[in-house]
Amino acid sequence: MIDQLTEDTKDFVRHLHEVVAELKAKVMMLLRTLDAGGNNTRAAPPQHFRAPEPQCYGGARDAKELEIFLFDMEQYFRATRLDSEETKVAIAT
C-alpha cells in the first residue's frame, strides 16, 4: 500500500514537472515576443470616456435619496479611478 502511494506521488510530481516546463516555455515565448516589440496582442486599446457626474444631493432627509446619492458617488469614483480621499471629498462637496 505504501509502495503504491509512493508511486502515485512520484507520478503526480512528474506530471507537475511537465506542466511547469510547459508553462515556462510559454512564458519565455511571450517574453521574447514582447522584447521583439510585438504589439500583436489581442488586448483592446484603452478607451477614453467621460463618466457622467452624479447629481447633487438636495439635502432632503430621505434615506433612499441619500443611499442613491452615495451609490452614484461610489460608481463615479470607481469609473474615474480616483484614489485620493481628499479628491473624493472635494468632488462630493
N, C-alpha and C. Protein backbone atom coordinates (compact mmCIF):
# COMPACT_ATOMS: atom_id res chain seq x y z
N MET A 1 0.82 -1.19 0.00
CA MET A 1 0.00 0.00 0.00
C MET A 1 0.87 1.26 0.00
N ILE A 2 1.88 1.29 0.84
CA ILE A 2 2.76 2.45 0.88
C ILE A 2 3.52 2.57 -0.43
N ASP A 3 3.91 1.43 -1.00
CA ASP A 3 4.61 1.47 -2.28
C ASP A 3 3.73 2.08 -3.37
N GLN A 4 2.45 1.74 -3.34
CA GLN A 4 1.52 2.28 -4.33
C GLN A 4 1.36 3.80 -4.15
N LEU A 5 1.24 4.25 -2.90
CA LEU A 5 1.13 5.68 -2.64
C LEU A 5 2.40 6.42 -3.07
N THR A 6 3.54 5.82 -2.82
CA THR A 6 4.81 6.42 -3.23
C THR A 6 4.88 6.54 -4.74
N GLU A 7 4.47 5.50 -5.44
CA GLU A 7 4.49 5.51 -6.90
C GLU A 7 3.50 6.54 -7.45
N ASP A 8 2.31 6.62 -6.84
CA ASP A 8 1.33 7.62 -7.27
C ASP A 8 1.86 9.04 -7.06
N THR A 9 2.52 9.24 -5.94
CA THR A 9 3.10 10.55 -5.65
C THR A 9 4.18 10.90 -6.65
N LYS A 10 5.02 9.93 -6.98
CA LYS A 10 6.07 10.17 -7.97
C LYS A 10 5.47 10.51 -9.34
N ASP A 11 4.41 9.80 -9.72
CA ASP A 11 3.75 10.09 -10.99
C ASP A 11 3.17 11.51 -10.99
N PHE A 12 2.58 11.87 -9.88
CA PHE A 12 1.99 13.20 -9.78
C PHE A 12 3.07 14.28 -9.86
N VAL A 13 4.19 14.06 -9.20
CA VAL A 13 5.29 15.02 -9.23
C VAL A 13 5.85 15.13 -10.65
N ARG A 14 5.97 14.01 -11.35
CA ARG A 14 6.43 14.03 -12.74
C ARG A 14 5.48 14.87 -13.61
N HIS A 15 4.20 14.64 -13.39
CA HIS A 15 3.20 15.40 -14.14
C HIS A 15 3.33 16.90 -13.86
N LEU A 16 3.51 17.26 -12.60
CA LEU A 16 3.67 18.66 -12.24
C LEU A 16 4.91 19.26 -12.89
N HIS A 17 6.00 18.49 -12.95
CA HIS A 17 7.22 18.98 -13.61
C HIS A 17 6.95 19.24 -15.09
N GLU A 18 6.18 18.38 -15.73
CA GLU A 18 5.85 18.58 -17.14
C GLU A 18 5.02 19.85 -17.34
N VAL A 19 4.05 20.05 -16.46
CA VAL A 19 3.20 21.24 -16.55
C VAL A 19 4.03 22.50 -16.35
N VAL A 20 4.92 22.48 -15.37
CA VAL A 20 5.77 23.64 -15.11
C VAL A 20 6.67 23.91 -16.30
N ALA A 21 7.21 22.87 -16.91
CA ALA A 21 8.07 23.05 -18.08
C ALA A 21 7.28 23.67 -19.24
N GLU A 22 6.04 23.23 -19.45
CA GLU A 22 5.20 23.82 -20.50
C GLU A 22 4.93 25.30 -20.22
N LEU A 23 4.62 25.61 -18.98
CA LEU A 23 4.33 27.00 -18.63
C LEU A 23 5.57 27.88 -18.78
N LYS A 24 6.73 27.35 -18.41
CA LYS A 24 7.97 28.12 -18.58
C LYS A 24 8.21 28.40 -20.06
N ALA A 25 7.96 27.42 -20.90
CA ALA A 25 8.16 27.61 -22.34
C ALA A 25 7.21 28.69 -22.87
N LYS A 26 5.97 28.67 -22.41
CA LYS A 26 5.01 29.68 -22.86
C LYS A 26 5.41 31.08 -22.39
N VAL A 27 5.87 31.18 -21.16
CA VAL A 27 6.30 32.47 -20.63
C VAL A 27 7.50 32.99 -21.41
N MET A 28 8.45 32.12 -21.69
CA MET A 28 9.63 32.53 -22.47
C MET A 28 9.22 33.02 -23.85
N MET A 29 8.27 32.34 -24.48
CA MET A 29 7.81 32.75 -25.79
C MET A 29 7.14 34.14 -25.72
N LEU A 30 6.33 34.35 -24.70
CA LEU A 30 5.68 35.65 -24.54
C LEU A 30 6.70 36.75 -24.27
N LEU A 31 7.70 36.46 -23.45
CA LEU A 31 8.73 37.46 -23.17
C LEU A 31 9.52 37.80 -24.43
N ARG A 32 9.84 36.79 -25.23
CA ARG A 32 10.55 37.05 -26.48
C ARG A 32 9.70 37.90 -27.43
N THR A 33 8.42 37.62 -27.47
CA THR A 33 7.53 38.40 -28.33
C THR A 33 7.48 39.85 -27.87
N LEU A 34 7.38 40.06 -26.58
CA LEU A 34 7.34 41.43 -26.06
C LEU A 34 8.67 42.14 -26.26
N ASP A 35 9.78 41.43 -26.06
CA ASP A 35 11.10 42.03 -26.26
C ASP A 35 11.32 42.42 -27.72
N ALA A 36 10.73 41.66 -28.62
CA ALA A 36 10.89 41.94 -30.05
C ALA A 36 9.98 43.08 -30.49
N GLY A 37 9.26 43.66 -29.56
CA GLY A 37 8.38 44.77 -29.91
C GLY A 37 7.06 44.31 -30.46
N GLY A 38 6.71 43.09 -30.18
CA GLY A 38 5.45 42.56 -30.70
C GLY A 38 4.27 43.17 -30.00
N ASN A 39 3.59 44.00 -30.71
CA ASN A 39 2.36 44.59 -30.18
C ASN A 39 1.16 43.85 -30.71
N ASN A 40 1.37 42.63 -31.10
CA ASN A 40 0.30 41.83 -31.68
C ASN A 40 -0.50 41.13 -30.58
N THR A 41 -0.82 41.87 -29.57
CA THR A 41 -1.64 41.30 -28.51
C THR A 41 -3.09 41.58 -28.83
N ARG A 42 -3.95 40.80 -28.28
CA ARG A 42 -5.37 40.95 -28.58
C ARG A 42 -6.09 41.82 -27.56
N ALA A 43 -5.32 42.49 -26.74
CA ALA A 43 -5.94 43.36 -25.74
C ALA A 43 -6.53 44.58 -26.44
N ALA A 44 -7.68 44.95 -26.01
CA ALA A 44 -8.34 46.11 -26.61
C ALA A 44 -7.61 47.37 -26.16
N PRO A 45 -7.49 48.34 -27.03
CA PRO A 45 -6.85 49.60 -26.62
C PRO A 45 -7.69 50.28 -25.56
N PRO A 46 -7.04 51.00 -24.66
CA PRO A 46 -7.83 51.66 -23.61
C PRO A 46 -8.76 52.69 -24.23
N GLN A 47 -9.96 52.67 -23.75
CA GLN A 47 -10.95 53.60 -24.28
C GLN A 47 -11.10 54.76 -23.31
N HIS A 48 -11.15 55.94 -23.86
CA HIS A 48 -11.33 57.12 -23.04
C HIS A 48 -12.80 57.51 -23.09
N PHE A 49 -13.34 57.73 -21.94
CA PHE A 49 -14.73 58.15 -21.88
C PHE A 49 -14.89 59.12 -20.73
N ARG A 50 -15.92 59.87 -20.80
CA ARG A 50 -16.22 60.82 -19.74
C ARG A 50 -17.37 60.25 -18.92
N ALA A 51 -17.08 60.00 -17.66
CA ALA A 51 -18.11 59.46 -16.78
C ALA A 51 -19.10 60.57 -16.44
N PRO A 52 -20.38 60.27 -16.50
CA PRO A 52 -21.36 61.30 -16.15
C PRO A 52 -21.26 61.62 -14.66
N GLU A 53 -21.26 62.90 -14.36
CA GLU A 53 -21.14 63.31 -12.96
C GLU A 53 -22.45 63.01 -12.24
N PRO A 54 -22.35 62.56 -10.99
CA PRO A 54 -23.57 62.27 -10.23
C PRO A 54 -24.32 63.55 -9.91
N GLN A 55 -25.62 63.40 -9.73
CA GLN A 55 -26.44 64.57 -9.41
C GLN A 55 -26.17 65.00 -7.97
N CYS A 56 -26.37 66.26 -7.71
CA CYS A 56 -26.12 66.80 -6.38
C CYS A 56 -27.16 66.28 -5.39
N TYR A 57 -26.72 66.17 -4.16
CA TYR A 57 -27.63 65.77 -3.08
C TYR A 57 -28.39 67.01 -2.64
N GLY A 58 -29.70 66.90 -2.63
CA GLY A 58 -30.54 68.05 -2.32
C GLY A 58 -30.65 68.37 -0.85
N GLY A 59 -30.15 67.52 0.02
CA GLY A 59 -30.23 67.77 1.45
C GLY A 59 -31.50 67.25 2.09
N ALA A 60 -32.32 66.56 1.33
CA ALA A 60 -33.57 66.03 1.88
C ALA A 60 -33.26 64.95 2.92
N ARG A 61 -34.13 64.86 3.91
CA ARG A 61 -33.94 63.86 4.95
C ARG A 61 -34.67 62.58 4.55
N ASP A 62 -34.24 62.06 3.43
CA ASP A 62 -34.83 60.85 2.88
C ASP A 62 -33.72 59.82 2.73
N ALA A 63 -33.85 58.70 3.43
CA ALA A 63 -32.80 57.69 3.42
C ALA A 63 -32.56 57.13 2.02
N LYS A 64 -33.61 56.96 1.27
CA LYS A 64 -33.48 56.40 -0.09
C LYS A 64 -32.70 57.36 -0.99
N GLU A 65 -33.01 58.65 -0.91
CA GLU A 65 -32.31 59.63 -1.73
C GLU A 65 -30.83 59.69 -1.37
N LEU A 66 -30.53 59.64 -0.07
CA LEU A 66 -29.13 59.64 0.37
C LEU A 66 -28.41 58.39 -0.09
N GLU A 67 -29.08 57.25 -0.01
CA GLU A 67 -28.49 55.99 -0.46
C GLU A 67 -28.18 56.03 -1.96
N ILE A 68 -29.08 56.57 -2.74
CA ILE A 68 -28.87 56.69 -4.19
C ILE A 68 -27.69 57.63 -4.47
N PHE A 69 -27.63 58.74 -3.74
CA PHE A 69 -26.52 59.68 -3.93
C PHE A 69 -25.19 59.01 -3.62
N LEU A 70 -25.11 58.31 -2.50
CA LEU A 70 -23.85 57.65 -2.13
C LEU A 70 -23.46 56.57 -3.14
N PHE A 71 -24.45 55.83 -3.62
CA PHE A 71 -24.17 54.82 -4.63
C PHE A 71 -23.64 55.46 -5.91
N ASP A 72 -24.28 56.55 -6.33
CA ASP A 72 -23.83 57.25 -7.54
C ASP A 72 -22.40 57.76 -7.37
N MET A 73 -22.08 58.29 -6.19
CA MET A 73 -20.73 58.79 -5.94
C MET A 73 -19.71 57.65 -5.99
N GLU A 74 -20.04 56.51 -5.38
CA GLU A 74 -19.13 55.36 -5.42
C GLU A 74 -18.88 54.91 -6.85
N GLN A 75 -19.93 54.85 -7.64
CA GLN A 75 -19.77 54.44 -9.03
C GLN A 75 -18.94 55.46 -9.81
N TYR A 76 -19.15 56.72 -9.54
CA TYR A 76 -18.37 57.76 -10.22
C TYR A 76 -16.89 57.65 -9.86
N PHE A 77 -16.60 57.46 -8.58
CA PHE A 77 -15.20 57.33 -8.15
C PHE A 77 -14.57 56.09 -8.78
N ARG A 78 -15.32 55.02 -8.85
CA ARG A 78 -14.79 53.80 -9.45
C ARG A 78 -14.53 54.00 -10.95
N ALA A 79 -15.44 54.67 -11.63
CA ALA A 79 -15.29 54.89 -13.08
C ALA A 79 -14.13 55.83 -13.39
N THR A 80 -13.92 56.83 -12.54
CA THR A 80 -12.85 57.79 -12.79
C THR A 80 -11.54 57.37 -12.14
N ARG A 81 -11.56 56.28 -11.41
CA ARG A 81 -10.37 55.71 -10.76
C ARG A 81 -9.68 56.71 -9.84
N LEU A 82 -10.46 57.35 -9.03
CA LEU A 82 -9.91 58.28 -8.05
C LEU A 82 -9.43 57.50 -6.84
N ASP A 83 -8.21 57.79 -6.40
CA ASP A 83 -7.64 57.08 -5.27
C ASP A 83 -7.55 57.96 -4.02
N SER A 84 -7.36 59.23 -4.21
CA SER A 84 -7.14 60.14 -3.10
C SER A 84 -8.46 60.45 -2.39
N GLU A 85 -8.45 60.27 -1.09
CA GLU A 85 -9.65 60.58 -0.30
C GLU A 85 -9.93 62.08 -0.34
N GLU A 86 -8.87 62.88 -0.37
CA GLU A 86 -9.05 64.33 -0.42
C GLU A 86 -9.77 64.75 -1.69
N THR A 87 -9.40 64.14 -2.80
CA THR A 87 -10.05 64.46 -4.08
C THR A 87 -11.51 64.03 -4.05
N LYS A 88 -11.77 62.87 -3.46
CA LYS A 88 -13.14 62.38 -3.38
C LYS A 88 -14.01 63.33 -2.56
N VAL A 89 -13.46 63.80 -1.43
CA VAL A 89 -14.22 64.72 -0.57
C VAL A 89 -14.46 66.03 -1.30
N ALA A 90 -13.45 66.52 -2.01
CA ALA A 90 -13.60 67.79 -2.73
C ALA A 90 -14.68 67.68 -3.81
N ILE A 91 -14.74 66.55 -4.48
CA ILE A 91 -15.76 66.36 -5.52
C ILE A 91 -17.14 66.22 -4.91
N ALA A 92 -17.23 65.52 -3.79
CA ALA A 92 -18.53 65.25 -3.18
C ALA A 92 -19.14 66.48 -2.53
N THR A 93 -18.31 67.47 -2.20
CA THR A 93 -18.86 68.65 -1.51
C THR A 93 -19.12 69.78 -2.46
